[in-house]
Amino acid sequence: MWGLITSLSRRFRRRRMQRFVRECRITGETRVLDIGGTPDNWELIDTVPRLVLLNMPRAQADLAGTTQWVAGDGRALPFRDAAFDVVFSNSVIEHVGEPASQERFAREVARVGRAYWVQTPNRWFPVEQHLLTPLVHWLPKSWQAAIVRRGTVWSALTRPTADRRDFYIEHFLRDIHLLGMGELKRLFPSARLIRERFLGVTKSLIACRLP
């Protein structure tokens, strides 16, 4: 089952990356900042831009072999205004915390990029896409905590170590704030919103602004 989920996820990401290249007219000379990304996403496309990866210091092991990466926080980017042709972000904005943190993240994306492409899971998709557990994200926080601390589909399939499981569950409860169409539009008012669908239901949302 986990192999099937991983295969589907890679297929979705490949299609998303190919659409990103088309929509944002990416070439080998395009300056791209990937906030929170790792090199594996960029192996899914043939066109490799002039890429800088920004991630937290704890992600250093995932960035092995990457020549252009910067340790930093997406809510306070260490770059001048319009430093990049495109800012790219894949499933990051929902991890940065409360709405005020997401607003800071959105402002920084719009500040340093002449264009941007920000993807996030849709809050109204029935399966919570981090813990792979149906409907749990629609419940009150106290109910969520009671359920996910006892078990999730994600932990049943991946069988993480106890430390990793506890860290990820607490991160989900404390930091993850899923977005719907209205919230994403408020964060990126000048963007065009793109829906990614699975079996006819909107699975993910993308805020795209071209130069």
Protein backbone atom coordinates (compact mmCIF):
# COMPACT_ATOMS: atom_id res chain seq x y z
CA MET A 1 0.00 0.00 0.00
CA TRP A 2 2.78 2.47 0.91
CA GLY A 3 4.47 1.73 -2.43
CA LEU A 4 1.25 2.60 -4.28
CA ILE A 5 0.86 5.87 -2.36
CA THR A 6 4.49 6.79 -3.05
CA SER A 7 4.06 6.02 -6.75
CA LEU A 8 0.89 8.13 -6.98
CA SER A 9 2.56 10.99 -5.15
CA ARG A 10 5.54 10.96 -7.52
CA ARG A 11 3.19 10.95 -10.51
CA PHE A 12 1.28 13.95 -9.15
CA ARG A 13 4.54 15.80 -8.46
CA ARG A 14 5.90 15.07 -11.94
CA ARG A 15 2.73 16.41 -13.58
CA ARG A 16 2.83 19.47 -11.31
CA MET A 17 6.46 20.17 -12.12
CA GLN A 18 5.84 19.82 -15.85
CA ARG A 19 2.93 22.26 -15.60
CA PHE A 20 5.11 24.64 -13.58
CA VAL A 21 7.71 24.63 -16.37
CA ARG A 22 5.03 25.38 -18.98
CA GLU A 23 3.07 27.99 -17.04
CA CYS A 24 6.08 29.92 -15.75
CA ARG A 25 8.09 29.47 -18.98
CA ILE A 26 11.09 28.02 -17.20
CA THR A 27 14.39 27.80 -19.08
CA GLY A 28 17.93 27.00 -18.09
CA GLU A 29 18.49 30.73 -17.45
CA THR A 30 15.47 31.31 -15.18
CA ARG A 31 16.47 32.26 -11.63
CA VAL A 32 14.32 30.16 -9.28
CA LEU A 33 14.17 30.13 -5.48
CA ASP A 34 12.67 26.93 -4.03
CA ILE A 35 11.50 27.56 -0.46
CA GLY A 36 11.56 24.37 1.60
CA GLY A 37 12.48 22.15 -1.31
CA THR A 38 14.94 19.34 -1.90
CA PRO A 39 16.75 18.23 -5.08
CA ASP A 40 14.50 15.23 -5.82
CA ASN A 41 11.64 17.44 -7.04
CA TRP A 42 13.88 18.95 -9.72
CA GLU A 43 14.90 15.52 -11.00
CA LEU A 44 11.33 15.12 -12.29
CA ILE A 45 11.80 17.63 -15.14
CA ASP A 46 14.22 17.97 -18.04
CA THR A 47 14.63 21.75 -17.82
CA VAL A 48 16.81 22.69 -14.86
CA PRO A 49 16.77 26.42 -13.99
CA ARG A 50 19.37 28.45 -12.11
CA LEU A 51 18.15 27.08 -8.82
CA VAL A 52 18.67 28.12 -5.20
CA LEU A 53 17.16 25.94 -2.47
CA LEU A 54 16.25 27.50 0.88
CA ASN A 55 15.56 25.21 3.80
CA MET A 56 15.93 24.87 7.55
CA PRO A 57 19.37 23.81 8.84
CA ARG A 58 17.96 20.48 10.06
CA ALA A 59 17.25 19.57 6.40
CA GLN A 60 20.94 19.59 5.51
CA ALA A 61 21.09 15.81 5.07
CA ASP A 62 18.28 15.98 2.47
CA LEU A 63 20.25 18.60 0.53
CA ALA A 64 23.40 16.51 0.12
CA GLY A 65 25.03 17.14 -3.23
CA THR A 66 23.25 20.44 -3.77
CA THR A 67 25.66 23.26 -4.56
CA GLN A 68 23.23 26.19 -4.23
CA TRP A 69 21.35 26.08 -0.95
CA VAL A 70 20.78 28.57 1.83
CA ALA A 71 19.71 27.99 5.43
CA GLY A 72 16.80 30.27 6.21
CA ASP A 73 13.16 30.88 7.06
CA GLY A 74 10.54 31.49 4.38
CA ARG A 75 8.97 34.18 6.57
CA ALA A 76 12.16 36.30 6.53
CA LEU A 77 13.99 35.66 3.28
CA PRO A 78 17.62 36.88 3.11
CA PHE A 79 17.28 38.29 -0.42
CA ARG A 80 16.63 41.68 -1.98
CA ASP A 81 13.35 42.61 -3.63
CA ALA A 82 12.74 40.86 -6.99
CA ALA A 83 15.96 38.85 -6.61
CA PHE A 84 14.45 35.87 -8.47
CA ASP A 85 12.47 35.42 -11.64
CA VAL A 86 10.24 32.85 -9.90
CA VAL A 87 9.72 31.76 -6.30
CA PHE A 88 8.59 28.13 -6.05
CA SER A 89 7.07 26.48 -2.98
CA ASN A 90 5.60 23.00 -2.72
CA SER A 91 3.56 22.04 0.37
CA VAL A 92 5.32 24.48 2.71
CA ILE A 93 2.98 27.35 3.58
CA GLU A 94 0.67 25.09 5.61
CA HIS A 95 3.64 24.16 7.84
CA VAL A 96 4.67 27.64 9.02
CA GLY A 97 2.04 28.04 11.73
CA GLU A 98 -0.80 30.41 12.49
CA PRO A 99 -2.36 32.76 9.89
CA ALA A 100 -0.04 35.64 10.82
CA SER A 101 2.99 33.48 9.98
CA GLN A 102 1.41 32.48 6.69
CA GLU A 103 0.84 36.15 5.86
CA ARG A 104 4.54 36.89 6.47
CA PHE A 105 5.47 33.93 4.26
CA ALA A 106 3.17 35.16 1.46
CA ARG A 107 4.54 38.72 1.64
CA GLU A 108 8.12 37.45 1.40
CA VAL A 109 7.30 35.24 -1.59
CA ALA A 110 5.74 38.20 -3.43
CA ARG A 111 8.61 40.49 -2.43
CA VAL A 112 11.58 38.46 -3.69
CA GLY A 113 9.97 36.93 -6.79
CA ARG A 114 8.87 38.62 -9.98
CA ALA A 115 6.60 35.60 -10.34
CA TYR A 116 5.64 32.80 -7.98
CA TRP A 117 4.14 29.32 -7.80
CA VAL A 118 2.90 28.30 -4.33
CA GLN A 119 1.21 24.90 -3.91
CA THR A 120 -0.58 23.65 -0.80
CA PRO A 121 -2.94 20.76 0.00
CA ASN A 122 -6.62 21.68 -0.09
CA ARG A 123 -8.20 21.84 3.37
CA TRP A 124 -11.46 20.51 1.92
CA PHE A 125 -10.01 17.32 0.42
CA PRO A 126 -11.44 14.53 2.61
CA VAL A 127 -8.10 12.82 3.35
CA GLU A 128 -5.61 14.78 5.46
CA GLN A 129 -2.54 14.60 3.24
CA HIS A 130 0.19 14.63 5.89
CA LEU A 131 -1.17 11.89 8.14
CA LEU A 132 -3.17 10.22 5.32
CA THR A 133 -6.11 9.95 7.71
CA PRO A 134 -9.64 10.70 6.46
CA LEU A 135 -11.64 13.61 7.92
CA VAL A 136 -9.44 14.14 11.01
CA HIS A 137 -8.44 17.67 9.92
CA TRP A 138 -12.09 18.80 9.96
CA LEU A 139 -12.47 18.02 13.68
CA PRO A 140 -11.79 20.38 16.64
CA LYS A 141 -8.15 20.41 17.72
CA SER A 142 -8.87 18.59 20.96
CA TRP A 143 -10.51 15.76 19.01
CA GLN A 144 -7.66 15.69 16.52
CA ALA A 145 -5.13 15.32 19.33
CA ALA A 146 -7.05 12.48 20.94
CA ILE A 147 -7.24 10.60 17.64
CA VAL A 148 -3.82 11.11 16.03
CA ARG A 149 -1.86 10.43 19.22
CA ARG A 150 -3.45 6.98 19.25
CA GLY A 151 -2.70 6.22 15.62
CA THR A 152 -2.87 7.40 12.01
CA VAL A 153 -2.81 5.82 8.58
CA TRP A 154 0.62 7.42 8.02
CA SER A 155 2.17 5.77 11.08
CA ALA A 156 0.54 2.41 10.31
CA LEU A 157 1.99 2.40 6.78
CA THR A 158 5.45 3.87 7.41
CA ARG A 159 6.12 2.48 10.90
CA PRO A 160 8.36 5.39 11.97
CA THR A 161 10.50 5.32 15.10
CA ALA A 162 8.71 6.49 18.23
CA ASP A 163 10.70 9.75 18.28
CA ARG A 164 9.92 10.56 14.64
CA ARG A 165 6.28 9.67 15.07
CA ASP A 166 5.89 11.88 18.15
CA PHE A 167 7.74 14.79 16.52
CA TYR A 168 5.58 14.68 13.38
CA ILE A 169 2.29 14.27 15.26
CA GLU A 170 3.08 17.24 17.52
CA HIS A 171 4.15 19.30 14.51
CA PHE A 172 0.83 18.49 12.85
CA LEU A 173 -1.14 19.54 15.92
CA ARG A 174 0.90 22.66 16.67
CA ASP A 175 1.96 24.08 13.32
CA ILE A 176 0.01 22.77 10.34
CA HIS A 177 -2.75 25.12 9.21
CA LEU A 178 -4.47 23.90 6.06
CA LEU A 179 -5.88 26.37 3.55
CA GLY A 180 -8.92 26.52 1.33
CA MET A 181 -9.49 28.56 -1.82
CA GLY A 182 -10.69 31.66 0.04
CA GLU A 183 -7.75 31.73 2.45
CA LEU A 184 -5.19 31.21 -0.32
CA LYS A 185 -6.76 33.99 -2.39
CA ARG A 186 -6.56 36.38 0.57
CA LEU A 187 -2.88 35.55 1.02
CA PHE A 188 -2.08 35.96 -2.70
CA PRO A 189 -4.67 38.45 -4.05
CA SER A 190 -2.83 39.03 -7.33
CA ALA A 191 -2.48 35.32 -8.14
CA ARG A 192 -4.44 33.02 -10.39
CA LEU A 193 -5.57 29.96 -8.45
CA ILE A 194 -5.15 26.53 -10.03
CA ARG A 195 -6.98 23.43 -8.80
CA GLU A 196 -5.35 19.99 -8.89
CA ARG A 197 -8.00 17.28 -8.83
CA PHE A 198 -8.04 13.61 -7.85
CA LEU A 199 -11.14 11.60 -8.83
CA GLY A 200 -12.90 14.89 -9.52
CA VAL A 201 -12.20 16.38 -6.07
CA THR A 202 -9.75 19.28 -5.58
CA LYS A 203 -6.71 17.74 -3.88
CA SER A 204 -4.30 20.67 -3.99
CA LEU A 205 -4.31 24.40 -4.73
CA ILE A 206 -1.69 26.52 -6.48
CA ALA A 207 -1.34 30.29 -6.35
CA CYS A 208 0.43 31.35 -9.57
CA ARG A 209 1.49 34.84 -10.54
CA LEU A 210 3.35 35.42 -13.76
CA PRO A 211 5.67 38.42 -14.34
